[in-house]
Amino acid sequence: MTSYKSEGKRINWTNSTGSDVASGGVAVGTDAIAIAVVDIDNGDSGAVATEGEYSLPAASAETWTFLQQLYWDAASGELTNVASGNTPAGKAGATKAAGVATGRLLLNR
């Protein structure tokens, strides 16, 4: 008997956040985030991606370097380079200049 379930690139997640999560939205875990592949209503389950590169809202005042560690700030709904109080998200997929409101994220790297 095998215990293999999947490659883990996409997994099923039950949304218990109290709010619906739209496709492309962020599902926040304790130590990582995932990206909703489909709309997931509160209380329902749906597919989330656990790897890949995504463009997400970002703290516009910040600058990032390629492969810098990034975090998800759930309060602002943005990627940030500030670790304190935020969830690890992955690495910057590209350099980001100040004044830019989106950033590229290599999810959970």
PDB file of N, CA and C in Angstrom:
ATOM      1  N   MET A   1       0.839  -1.178   0.000  1.00  0.00           N
ATOM      2  CA  MET A   1       0.000   0.000   0.000  1.00  0.00           C
ATOM      3  C   MET A   1       0.887   1.246   0.000  1.00  0.00           C
ATOM      4  N   THR A   2       0.505   2.221  -0.789  1.00  0.00           N
ATOM      5  CA  THR A   2       1.265   3.469  -0.880  1.00  0.00           C
ATOM      6  C   THR A   2       0.556   4.598  -0.141  1.00  0.00           C
ATOM      7  N   SER A   3       1.323   5.556   0.337  1.00  0.00           N
ATOM      8  CA  SER A   3       0.729   6.701   1.023  1.00  0.00           C
ATOM      9  C   SER A   3       0.825   7.971   0.179  1.00  0.00           C
ATOM     10  N   TYR A   4       1.310   7.848  -1.064  1.00  0.00           N
ATOM     11  CA  TYR A   4       1.451   8.995  -1.956  1.00  0.00           C
ATOM     12  C   TYR A   4       0.100   9.639  -2.219  1.00  0.00           C
ATOM     13  N   LYS A   5       0.030  10.947  -2.116  1.00  0.00           N
ATOM     14  CA  LYS A   5      -1.214  11.681  -2.346  1.00  0.00           C
ATOM     15  C   LYS A   5      -1.147  12.527  -3.615  1.00  0.00           C
ATOM     16  N   SER A   6      -0.081  13.322  -3.775  1.00  0.00           N
ATOM     17  CA  SER A   6       0.057  14.195  -4.934  1.00  0.00           C
ATOM     18  C   SER A   6       1.458  14.786  -4.950  1.00  0.00           C
ATOM     19  N   GLU A   7       1.777  15.533  -6.022  1.00  0.00           N
ATOM     20  CA  GLU A   7       3.052  16.236  -6.088  1.00  0.00           C
ATOM     21  C   GLU A   7       3.113  17.376  -5.081  1.00  0.00           C
ATOM     22  N   GLY A   8       1.971  17.847  -4.643  1.00  0.00           N
ATOM     23  CA  GLY A   8       1.914  18.922  -3.669  1.00  0.00           C
ATOM     24  C   GLY A   8       1.970  20.311  -4.270  1.00  0.00           C
ATOM     25  N   LYS A   9       1.970  20.411  -5.609  1.00  0.00           N
ATOM     26  CA  LYS A   9       1.981  21.723  -6.253  1.00  0.00           C
ATOM     27  C   LYS A   9       0.649  22.430  -6.069  1.00  0.00           C
ATOM     28  N   ARG A  10      -0.406  21.637  -5.988  1.00  0.00           N
ATOM     29  CA  ARG A  10      -1.750  22.124  -5.679  1.00  0.00           C
ATOM     30  C   ARG A  10      -2.350  21.162  -4.671  1.00  0.00           C
ATOM     31  N   ILE A  11      -2.968  21.727  -3.665  1.00  0.00           N
ATOM     32  CA  ILE A  11      -3.597  20.901  -2.645  1.00  0.00           C
ATOM     33  C   ILE A  11      -4.999  21.440  -2.367  1.00  0.00           C
ATOM     34  N   ASN A  12      -5.806  20.642  -1.727  1.00  0.00           N
ATOM     35  CA  ASN A  12      -7.146  21.049  -1.348  1.00  0.00           C
ATOM     36  C   ASN A  12      -7.066  21.761   0.001  1.00  0.00           C
ATOM     37  N   TRP A  13      -7.753  22.893   0.118  1.00  0.00           N
ATOM     38  CA  TRP A  13      -7.737  23.702   1.334  1.00  0.00           C
ATOM     39  C   TRP A  13      -9.168  24.040   1.711  1.00  0.00           C
ATOM     40  N   THR A  14      -9.482  23.916   2.991  1.00  0.00           N
ATOM     41  CA  THR A  14     -10.799  24.305   3.493  1.00  0.00           C
ATOM     42  C   THR A  14     -10.712  25.714   4.053  1.00  0.00           C
ATOM     43  N   ASN A  15     -11.516  26.591   3.502  1.00  0.00           N
ATOM     44  CA  ASN A  15     -11.515  27.993   3.886  1.00  0.00           C
ATOM     45  C   ASN A  15     -12.335  28.189   5.160  1.00  0.00           C
ATOM     46  N   SER A  16     -11.658  28.471   6.250  1.00  0.00           N
ATOM     47  CA  SER A  16     -12.330  28.759   7.519  1.00  0.00           C
ATOM     48  C   SER A  16     -11.966  30.155   8.007  1.00  0.00           C
ATOM     49  N   THR A  17     -11.744  31.072   7.065  1.00  0.00           N
ATOM     50  CA  THR A  17     -11.294  32.420   7.400  1.00  0.00           C
ATOM     51  C   THR A  17     -12.414  33.356   7.820  1.00  0.00           C
ATOM     52  N   GLY A  18     -13.666  32.993   7.487  1.00  0.00           N
ATOM     53  CA  GLY A  18     -14.780  33.894   7.745  1.00  0.00           C
ATOM     54  C   GLY A  18     -15.117  34.759   6.555  1.00  0.00           C
ATOM     55  N   SER A  19     -14.307  34.674   5.500  1.00  0.00           N
ATOM     56  CA  SER A  19     -14.529  35.446   4.276  1.00  0.00           C
ATOM     57  C   SER A  19     -14.273  34.551   3.064  1.00  0.00           C
ATOM     58  N   ASP A  20     -14.897  34.894   1.947  1.00  0.00           N
ATOM     59  CA  ASP A  20     -14.614  34.186   0.705  1.00  0.00           C
ATOM     60  C   ASP A  20     -13.215  34.562   0.221  1.00  0.00           C
ATOM     61  N   VAL A  21     -12.548  33.630  -0.453  1.00  0.00           N
ATOM     62  CA  VAL A  21     -11.244  33.894  -1.053  1.00  0.00           C
ATOM     63  C   VAL A  21     -11.400  33.722  -2.558  1.00  0.00           C
ATOM     64  N   ALA A  22     -11.147  34.778  -3.301  1.00  0.00           N
ATOM     65  CA  ALA A  22     -11.290  34.747  -4.755  1.00  0.00           C
ATOM     66  C   ALA A  22     -10.105  34.036  -5.395  1.00  0.00           C
ATOM     67  N   SER A  23     -10.317  33.496  -6.571  1.00  0.00           N
ATOM     68  CA  SER A  23      -9.229  32.915  -7.353  1.00  0.00           C
ATOM     69  C   SER A  23      -8.121  33.953  -7.487  1.00  0.00           C
ATOM     70  N   GLY A  24      -6.893  33.544  -7.188  1.00  0.00           N
ATOM     71  CA  GLY A  24      -5.765  34.471  -7.192  1.00  0.00           C
ATOM     72  C   GLY A  24      -5.521  35.112  -5.851  1.00  0.00           C
ATOM     73  N   GLY A  25      -6.439  34.907  -4.914  1.00  0.00           N
ATOM     74  CA  GLY A  25      -6.287  35.452  -3.568  1.00  0.00           C
ATOM     75  C   GLY A  25      -5.346  34.605  -2.727  1.00  0.00           C
ATOM     76  N   VAL A  26      -4.971  35.134  -1.595  1.00  0.00           N
ATOM     77  CA  VAL A  26      -3.998  34.482  -0.720  1.00  0.00           C
ATOM     78  C   VAL A  26      -4.696  33.714   0.397  1.00  0.00           C
ATOM     79  N   ALA A  27      -4.297  32.456   0.564  1.00  0.00           N
ATOM     80  CA  ALA A  27      -4.714  31.613   1.685  1.00  0.00           C
ATOM     81  C   ALA A  27      -3.544  31.601   2.665  1.00  0.00           C
ATOM     82  N   VAL A  28      -3.749  32.125   3.855  1.00  0.00           N
ATOM     83  CA  VAL A  28      -2.667  32.291   4.822  1.00  0.00           C
ATOM     84  C   VAL A  28      -2.644  31.120   5.788  1.00  0.00           C
ATOM     85  N   GLY A  29      -1.487  30.468   5.884  1.00  0.00           N
ATOM     86  CA  GLY A  29      -1.268  29.414   6.864  1.00  0.00           C
ATOM     87  C   GLY A  29      -0.399  29.940   7.997  1.00  0.00           C
ATOM     88  N   THR A  30       0.012  29.065   8.876  1.00  0.00           N
ATOM     89  CA  THR A  30       0.855  29.462  10.000  1.00  0.00           C
ATOM     90  C   THR A  30       2.248  29.870   9.558  1.00  0.00           C
ATOM     91  N   ASP A  31       2.858  29.085   8.663  1.00  0.00           N
ATOM     92  CA  ASP A  31       4.249  29.308   8.267  1.00  0.00           C
ATOM     93  C   ASP A  31       4.445  29.501   6.774  1.00  0.00           C
ATOM     94  N   ALA A  32       3.374  29.640   6.017  1.00  0.00           N
ATOM     95  CA  ALA A  32       3.475  29.824   4.568  1.00  0.00           C
ATOM     96  C   ALA A  32       2.124  30.295   4.038  1.00  0.00           C
ATOM     97  N   ILE A  33       2.123  30.705   2.786  1.00  0.00           N
ATOM     98  CA  ILE A  33       0.881  31.077   2.125  1.00  0.00           C
ATOM     99  C   ILE A  33       0.680  30.190   0.906  1.00  0.00           C
ATOM    100  N   ALA A  34      -0.532  30.202   0.379  1.00  0.00           N
ATOM    101  CA  ALA A  34      -0.856  29.522  -0.869  1.00  0.00           C
ATOM    102  C   ALA A  34      -1.739  30.477  -1.664  1.00  0.00           C
ATOM    103  N   ILE A  35      -1.872  30.207  -2.960  1.00  0.00           N
ATOM    104  CA  ILE A  35      -2.680  31.049  -3.831  1.00  0.00           C
ATOM    105  C   ILE A  35      -3.892  30.247  -4.295  1.00  0.00           C
ATOM    106  N   ALA A  36      -5.086  30.808  -4.096  1.00  0.00           N
ATOM    107  CA  ALA A  36      -6.321  30.131  -4.516  1.00  0.00           C
ATOM    108  C   ALA A  36      -6.340  29.992  -6.031  1.00  0.00           C
ATOM    109  N   VAL A  37      -6.619  28.785  -6.489  1.00  0.00           N
ATOM    110  CA  VAL A  37      -6.707  28.491  -7.921  1.00  0.00           C
ATOM    111  C   VAL A  37      -8.132  28.729  -8.415  1.00  0.00           C
ATOM    112  N   VAL A  38      -9.083  28.622  -7.521  1.00  0.00           N
ATOM    113  CA  VAL A  38     -10.505  28.830  -7.813  1.00  0.00           C
ATOM    114  C   VAL A  38     -11.085  29.709  -6.707  1.00  0.00           C
ATOM    115  N   ASP A  39     -12.279  30.245  -6.936  1.00  0.00           N
ATOM    116  CA  ASP A  39     -12.979  30.946  -5.861  1.00  0.00           C
ATOM    117  C   ASP A  39     -13.319  29.928  -4.772  1.00  0.00           C
ATOM    118  N   ILE A  40     -13.045  30.273  -3.515  1.00  0.00           N
ATOM    119  CA  ILE A  40     -13.340  29.359  -2.406  1.00  0.00           C
ATOM    120  C   ILE A  40     -14.177  30.112  -1.376  1.00  0.00           C
ATOM    121  N   ASP A  41     -15.452  29.790  -1.329  1.00  0.00           N
ATOM    122  CA  ASP A  41     -16.349  30.426  -0.369  1.00  0.00           C
ATOM    123  C   ASP A  41     -15.979  29.994   1.044  1.00  0.00           C
ATOM    124  N   ASN A  42     -16.270  30.846   2.007  1.00  0.00           N
ATOM    125  CA  ASN A  42     -16.020  30.494   3.397  1.00  0.00           C
ATOM    126  C   ASN A  42     -16.751  29.192   3.729  1.00  0.00           C
ATOM    127  N   GLY A  43     -16.063  28.262   4.343  1.00  0.00           N
ATOM    128  CA  GLY A  43     -16.631  26.974   4.711  1.00  0.00           C
ATOM    129  C   GLY A  43     -16.496  25.910   3.638  1.00  0.00           C
ATOM    130  N   ASP A  44     -16.123  26.294   2.418  1.00  0.00           N
ATOM    131  CA  ASP A  44     -15.943  25.340   1.325  1.00  0.00           C
ATOM    132  C   ASP A  44     -14.471  25.003   1.159  1.00  0.00           C
ATOM    133  N   SER A  45     -14.214  23.993   0.349  1.00  0.00           N
ATOM    134  CA  SER A  45     -12.850  23.581   0.024  1.00  0.00           C
ATOM    135  C   SER A  45     -12.583  23.847  -1.442  1.00  0.00           C
ATOM    136  N   GLY A  46     -11.322  24.062  -1.765  1.00  0.00           N
ATOM    137  CA  GLY A  46     -10.924  24.271  -3.144  1.00  0.00           C
ATOM    138  C   GLY A  46      -9.425  24.169  -3.292  1.00  0.00           C
ATOM    139  N   ALA A  47      -8.965  24.162  -4.537  1.00  0.00           N
ATOM    140  CA  ALA A  47      -7.546  24.005  -4.842  1.00  0.00           C
ATOM    141  C   ALA A  47      -6.776  25.294  -4.582  1.00  0.00           C
ATOM    142  N   VAL A  48      -5.608  25.132  -3.966  1.00  0.00           N
ATOM    143  CA  VAL A  48      -4.661  26.223  -3.787  1.00  0.00           C
ATOM    144  C   VAL A  48      -3.297  25.770  -4.291  1.00  0.00           C
ATOM    145  N   ALA A  49      -2.547  26.712  -4.871  1.00  0.00           N
ATOM    146  CA  ALA A  49      -1.194  26.433  -5.348  1.00  0.00           C
ATOM    147  C   ALA A  49      -0.200  26.667  -4.217  1.00  0.00           C
ATOM    148  N   THR A  50       0.774  25.768  -4.114  1.00  0.00           N
ATOM    149  CA  THR A  50       1.786  25.887  -3.075  1.00  0.00           C
ATOM    150  C   THR A  50       3.157  26.233  -3.649  1.00  0.00           C
ATOM    151  N   GLU A  51       3.228  26.368  -4.965  1.00  0.00           N
ATOM    152  CA  GLU A  51       4.471  26.803  -5.597  1.00  0.00           C
ATOM    153  C   GLU A  51       4.150  27.499  -6.902  1.00  0.00           C
ATOM    154  N   GLY A  52       5.137  28.183  -7.445  1.00  0.00           N
ATOM    155  CA  GLY A  52       4.969  28.935  -8.682  1.00  0.00           C
ATOM    156  C   GLY A  52       5.349  30.383  -8.469  1.00  0.00           C
ATOM    157  N   GLU A  53       5.288  31.165  -9.537  1.00  0.00           N
ATOM    158  CA  GLU A  53       5.599  32.597  -9.471  1.00  0.00           C
ATOM    159  C   GLU A  53       4.318  33.387  -9.685  1.00  0.00           C
ATOM    160  N   TYR A  54       4.090  34.379  -8.839  1.00  0.00           N
ATOM    161  CA  TYR A  54       2.855  35.157  -8.861  1.00  0.00           C
ATOM    162  C   TYR A  54       3.172  36.640  -8.728  1.00  0.00           C
ATOM    163  N   SER A  55       2.314  37.466  -9.284  1.00  0.00           N
ATOM    164  CA  SER A  55       2.363  38.909  -9.102  1.00  0.00           C
ATOM    165  C   SER A  55       1.292  39.257  -8.078  1.00  0.00           C
ATOM    166  N   LEU A  56       1.704  39.900  -6.986  1.00  0.00           N
ATOM    167  CA  LEU A  56       0.796  40.201  -5.879  1.00  0.00           C
ATOM    168  C   LEU A  56       0.956  41.651  -5.436  1.00  0.00           C
ATOM    169  N   PRO A  57      -0.060  42.191  -4.752  1.00  0.00           N
ATOM    170  CA  PRO A  57       0.080  43.538  -4.195  1.00  0.00           C
ATOM    171  C   PRO A  57       1.288  43.590  -3.257  1.00  0.00           C
ATOM    172  N   ALA A  58       1.973  44.737  -3.276  1.00  0.00           N
ATOM    173  CA  ALA A  58       3.199  44.867  -2.493  1.00  0.00           C
ATOM    174  C   ALA A  58       3.254  46.224  -1.811  1.00  0.00           C
ATOM    175  N   ALA A  59       3.979  46.284  -0.713  1.00  0.00           N
ATOM    176  CA  ALA A  59       4.214  47.546  -0.013  1.00  0.00           C
ATOM    177  C   ALA A  59       4.990  48.463  -0.953  1.00  0.00           C
ATOM    178  N   SER A  60       4.335  49.485  -1.475  1.00  0.00           N
ATOM    179  CA  SER A  60       4.914  50.289  -2.556  1.00  0.00           C
ATOM    180  C   SER A  60       6.160  51.070  -2.139  1.00  0.00           C
ATOM    181  N   ALA A  61       6.302  51.406  -0.881  1.00  0.00           N
ATOM    182  CA  ALA A  61       7.465  52.187  -0.440  1.00  0.00           C
ATOM    183  C   ALA A  61       8.747  51.347  -0.380  1.00  0.00           C
ATOM    184  N   GLU A  62       8.612  50.033  -0.368  1.00  0.00           N
ATOM    185  CA  GLU A  62       9.778  49.157  -0.203  1.00  0.00           C
ATOM    186  C   GLU A  62      10.512  48.906  -1.517  1.00  0.00           C
ATOM    187  N   THR A  63      11.801  48.630  -1.385  1.00  0.00           N
ATOM    188  CA  THR A  63      12.602  48.126  -2.497  1.00  0.00           C
ATOM    189  C   THR A  63      13.029  46.712  -2.145  1.00  0.00           C
ATOM    190  N   TRP A  64      13.087  45.849  -3.153  1.00  0.00           N
ATOM    191  CA  TRP A  64      13.500  44.467  -2.945  1.00  0.00           C
ATOM    192  C   TRP A  64      14.584  44.110  -3.940  1.00  0.00           C
ATOM    193  N   THR A  65      15.396  43.146  -3.551  1.00  0.00           N
ATOM    194  CA  THR A  65      16.379  42.587  -4.473  1.00  0.00           C
ATOM    195  C   THR A  65      15.929  41.185  -4.880  1.00  0.00           C
ATOM    196  N   PHE A  66      16.424  40.728  -5.999  1.00  0.00           N
ATOM    197  CA  PHE A  66      16.109  39.403  -6.514  1.00  0.00           C
ATOM    198  C   PHE A  66      16.414  38.342  -5.457  1.00  0.00           C
ATOM    199  N   LEU A  67      15.453  37.470  -5.203  1.00  0.00           N
ATOM    200  CA  LEU A  67      15.514  36.351  -4.260  1.00  0.00           C
ATOM    201  C   LEU A  67      15.571  36.772  -2.790  1.00  0.00           C
ATOM    202  N   GLN A  68      15.218  38.008  -2.489  1.00  0.00           N
ATOM    203  CA  GLN A  68      15.106  38.451  -1.092  1.00  0.00           C
ATOM    204  C   GLN A  68      13.903  37.762  -0.457  1.00  0.00           C
ATOM    205  N   GLN A  69      14.001  37.400   0.818  1.00  0.00           N
ATOM    206  CA  GLN A  69      12.887  36.797   1.540  1.00  0.00           C
ATOM    207  C   GLN A  69      11.758  37.800   1.666  1.00  0.00           C
ATOM    208  N   LEU A  70      10.516  37.336   1.365  1.00  0.00           N
ATOM    209  CA  LEU A  70       9.332  38.179   1.485  1.00  0.00           C
ATOM    210  C   LEU A  70       8.317  37.536   2.417  1.00  0.00           C
ATOM    211  N   TYR A  71       7.400  38.358   2.907  1.00  0.00           N
ATOM    212  CA  TYR A  71       6.390  37.943   3.876  1.00  0.00           C
ATOM    213  C   TYR A  71       5.036  38.486   3.437  1.00  0.00           C
ATOM    214  N   TRP A  72       3.961  37.854   3.913  1.00  0.00           N
ATOM    215  CA  TRP A  72       2.615  38.328   3.630  1.00  0.00           C
ATOM    216  C   TRP A  72       2.103  39.064   4.853  1.00  0.00           C
ATOM    217  N   ASP A  73       1.729  40.317   4.657  1.00  0.00           N
ATOM    218  CA  ASP A  73       1.134  41.131   5.705  1.00  0.00           C
ATOM    219  C   ASP A  73      -0.380  41.023   5.538  1.00  0.00           C
ATOM    220  N   ALA A  74      -1.022  40.183   6.336  1.00  0.00           N
ATOM    221  CA  ALA A  74      -2.461  39.936   6.203  1.00  0.00           C
ATOM    222  C   ALA A  74      -3.283  41.188   6.502  1.00  0.00           C
ATOM    223  N   ALA A  75      -2.784  42.048   7.375  1.00  0.00           N
ATOM    224  CA  ALA A  75      -3.527  43.259   7.731  1.00  0.00           C
ATOM    225  C   ALA A  75      -3.637  44.215   6.549  1.00  0.00           C
ATOM    226  N   SER A  76      -2.557  44.351   5.782  1.00  0.00           N
ATOM    227  CA  SER A  76      -2.573  45.266   4.638  1.00  0.00           C
ATOM    228  C   SER A  76      -2.904  44.555   3.327  1.00  0.00           C
ATOM    229  N   GLY A  77      -2.805  43.213   3.324  1.00  0.00           N
ATOM    230  CA  GLY A  77      -3.041  42.458   2.096  1.00  0.00           C
ATOM    231  C   GLY A  77      -1.949  42.667   1.067  1.00  0.00           C
ATOM    232  N   GLU A  78      -0.700  42.753   1.560  1.00  0.00           N
ATOM    233  CA  GLU A  78       0.438  43.031   0.681  1.00  0.00           C
ATOM    234  C   GLU A  78       1.652  42.189   1.042  1.00  0.00           C
ATOM    235  N   LEU A  79       2.514  41.992   0.038  1.00  0.00           N
ATOM    236  CA  LEU A  79       3.839  41.438   0.286  1.00  0.00           C
ATOM    237  C   LEU A  79       4.706  42.514   0.907  1.00  0.00           C
ATOM    238  N   THR A  80       5.611  42.085   1.781  1.00  0.00           N
ATOM    239  CA  THR A  80       6.522  43.014   2.443  1.00  0.00           C
ATOM    240  C   THR A  80       7.844  42.304   2.712  1.00  0.00           C
ATOM    241  N   ASN A  81       8.893  43.077   2.967  1.00  0.00           N
ATOM    242  CA  ASN A  81      10.166  42.482   3.378  1.00  0.00           C
ATOM    243  C   ASN A  81      10.324  42.509   4.896  1.00  0.00           C
ATOM    244  N   VAL A  82       9.263  42.869   5.607  1.00  0.00           N
ATOM    245  CA  VAL A  82       9.272  42.946   7.080  1.00  0.00           C
ATOM    246  C   VAL A  82       8.778  41.621   7.657  1.00  0.00           C
ATOM    247  N   ALA A  83       9.626  40.954   8.421  1.00  0.00           N
ATOM    248  CA  ALA A  83       9.291  39.648   8.977  1.00  0.00           C
ATOM    249  C   ALA A  83       8.352  39.726  10.179  1.00  0.00           C
ATOM    250  N   SER A  84       8.555  40.688  11.039  1.00  0.00           N
ATOM    251  CA  SER A  84       7.840  40.758  12.310  1.00  0.00           C
ATOM    252  C   SER A  84       6.328  40.805  12.135  1.00  0.00           C
ATOM    253  N   GLY A  85       5.643  39.802  12.690  1.00  0.00           N
ATOM    254  CA  GLY A  85       4.190  39.743  12.660  1.00  0.00           C
ATOM    255  C   GLY A  85       3.590  39.289  11.352  1.00  0.00           C
ATOM    256  N   ASN A  86       4.434  38.906  10.379  1.00  0.00           N
ATOM    257  CA  ASN A  86       3.943  38.513   9.063  1.00  0.00           C
ATOM    258  C   ASN A  86       4.285  37.061   8.747  1.00  0.00           C
ATOM    259  N   THR A  87       3.629  36.496   7.743  1.00  0.00           N
ATOM    260  CA  THR A  87       3.776  35.084   7.378  1.00  0.00           C
ATOM    261  C   THR A  87       4.789  34.929   6.259  1.00  0.00           C
ATOM    262  N   PRO A  88       5.769  34.019   6.391  1.00  0.00           N
ATOM    263  CA  PRO A  88       6.712  33.788   5.296  1.00  0.00           C
ATOM    264  C   PRO A  88       5.955  33.442   4.005  1.00  0.00           C
ATOM    265  N   ALA A  89       6.359  34.076   2.907  1.00  0.00           N
ATOM    266  CA  ALA A  89       5.662  33.877   1.638  1.00  0.00           C
ATOM    267  C   ALA A  89       6.550  33.256   0.570  1.00  0.00           C
ATOM    268  N   GLY A  90       7.823  33.586   0.555  1.00  0.00           N
ATOM    269  CA  GLY A  90       8.734  33.081  -0.468  1.00  0.00           C
ATOM    270  C   GLY A  90       9.813  34.100  -0.759  1.00  0.00           C
ATOM    271  N   LYS A  91      10.331  34.054  -1.983  1.00  0.00           N
ATOM    272  CA  LYS A  91      11.427  34.931  -2.392  1.00  0.00           C
ATOM    273  C   LYS A  91      10.965  35.859  -3.512  1.00  0.00           C
ATOM    274  N   ALA A  92      11.591  37.019  -3.572  1.00  0.00           N
ATOM    275  CA  ALA A  92      11.283  37.969  -4.642  1.00  0.00           C
ATOM    276  C   ALA A  92      11.704  37.367  -5.980  1.00  0.00           C
ATOM    277  N   GLY A  93      10.789  37.341  -6.929  1.00  0.00           N
ATOM    278  CA  GLY A  93      11.077  36.819  -8.266  1.00  0.00           C
ATOM    279  C   GLY A  93      11.775  37.831  -9.144  1.00  0.00           C
ATOM    280  N   ALA A  94      11.832  39.077  -8.684  1.00  0.00           N
ATOM    281  CA  ALA A  94      12.497  40.150  -9.420  1.00  0.00           C
ATOM    282  C   ALA A  94      12.771  41.300  -8.462  1.00  0.00           C
ATOM    283  N   THR A  95      13.676  42.156  -8.841  1.00  0.00           N
ATOM    284  CA  THR A  95      13.930  43.377  -8.090  1.00  0.00           C
ATOM    285  C   THR A  95      12.683  44.256  -8.165  1.00  0.00           C
ATOM    286  N   LYS A  96      12.360  44.940  -7.064  1.00  0.00           N
ATOM    287  CA  LYS A  96      11.223  45.860  -7.042  1.00  0.00           C
ATOM    288  C   LYS A  96      11.702  47.229  -6.575  1.00  0.00           C
ATOM    289  N   ALA A  97      11.335  48.251  -7.312  1.00  0.00           N
ATOM    290  CA  ALA A  97      11.693  49.619  -6.957  1.00  0.00           C
ATOM    291  C   ALA A  97      10.629  50.236  -6.058  1.00  0.00           C
ATOM    292  N   ALA A  98      11.014  51.244  -5.305  1.00  0.00           N
ATOM    293  CA  ALA A  98      10.054  52.000  -4.505  1.00  0.00           C
ATOM    294  C   ALA A  98       9.042  52.658  -5.435  1.00  0.00           C
ATOM    295  N   GLY A  99       7.801  52.734  -4.983  1.00  0.00           N
ATOM    296  CA  GLY A  99       6.741  53.334  -5.779  1.00  0.00           C
ATOM    297  C   GLY A  99       5.982  52.342  -6.636  1.00  0.00           C
ATOM    298  N   VAL A 100       6.434  51.092  -6.669  1.00  0.00           N
ATOM    299  CA  VAL A 100       5.769  50.044  -7.443  1.00  0.00           C
ATOM    300  C   VAL A 100       4.848  49.282  -6.496  1.00  0.00           C
ATOM    301  N   ALA A 101       3.578  49.132  -6.879  1.00  0.00           N
ATOM    302  CA  ALA A 101       2.564  48.578  -5.972  1.00  0.00           C
ATOM    303  C   ALA A 101       2.334  47.078  -6.124  1.00  0.00           C
ATOM    304  N   THR A 102       3.086  46.413  -7.000  1.00  0.00           N
ATOM    305  CA  THR A 102       3.005  44.957  -7.125  1.00  0.00           C
ATOM    306  C   THR A 102       4.423  44.393  -7.133  1.00  0.00           C
ATOM    307  N   GLY A 103       4.526  43.136  -6.757  1.00  0.00           N
ATOM    308  CA  GLY A 103       5.819  42.476  -6.757  1.00  0.00           C
ATOM    309  C   GLY A 103       5.686  41.039  -7.209  1.00  0.00           C
ATOM    310  N   ARG A 104       6.779  40.497  -7.738  1.00  0.00           N
ATOM    311  CA  ARG A 104       6.800  39.108  -8.174  1.00  0.00           C
ATOM    312  C   ARG A 104       7.303  38.234  -7.030  1.00  0.00           C
ATOM    313  N   LEU A 105       6.555  37.172  -6.776  1.00  0.00           N
ATOM    314  CA  LEU A 105       6.868  36.264  -5.664  1.00  0.00           C
ATOM    315  C   LEU A 105       7.070  34.858  -6.179  1.00  0.00           C
ATOM    316  N   LEU A 106       8.181  34.241  -5.796  1.00  0.00           N
ATOM    317  CA  LEU A 106       8.404  32.809  -5.979  1.00  0.00           C
ATOM    318  C   LEU A 106       7.854  32.172  -4.717  1.00  0.00           C
ATOM    319  N   LEU A 107       6.677  31.614  -4.831  1.00  0.00           N
ATOM    320  CA  LEU A 107       5.899  31.148  -3.684  1.00  0.00           C
ATOM    321  C   LEU A 107       6.645  30.099  -2.858  1.00  0.00           C
ATOM    322  N   ASN A 108       6.753  30.356  -1.561  1.00  0.00           N
ATOM    323  CA  ASN A 108       7.281  29.419  -0.562  1.00  0.00           C
ATOM    324  C   ASN A 108       8.675  28.892  -0.851  1.00  0.00           C
ATOM    325  N   ARG A 109       9.504  29.680  -1.464  1.00  0.00           N
ATOM    326  CA  ARG A 109      10.883  29.274  -1.733  1.00  0.00           C
ATOM    327  C   ARG A 109      11.795  29.704  -0.619  1.00  0.00           C
TER     328      ARG A 109
END
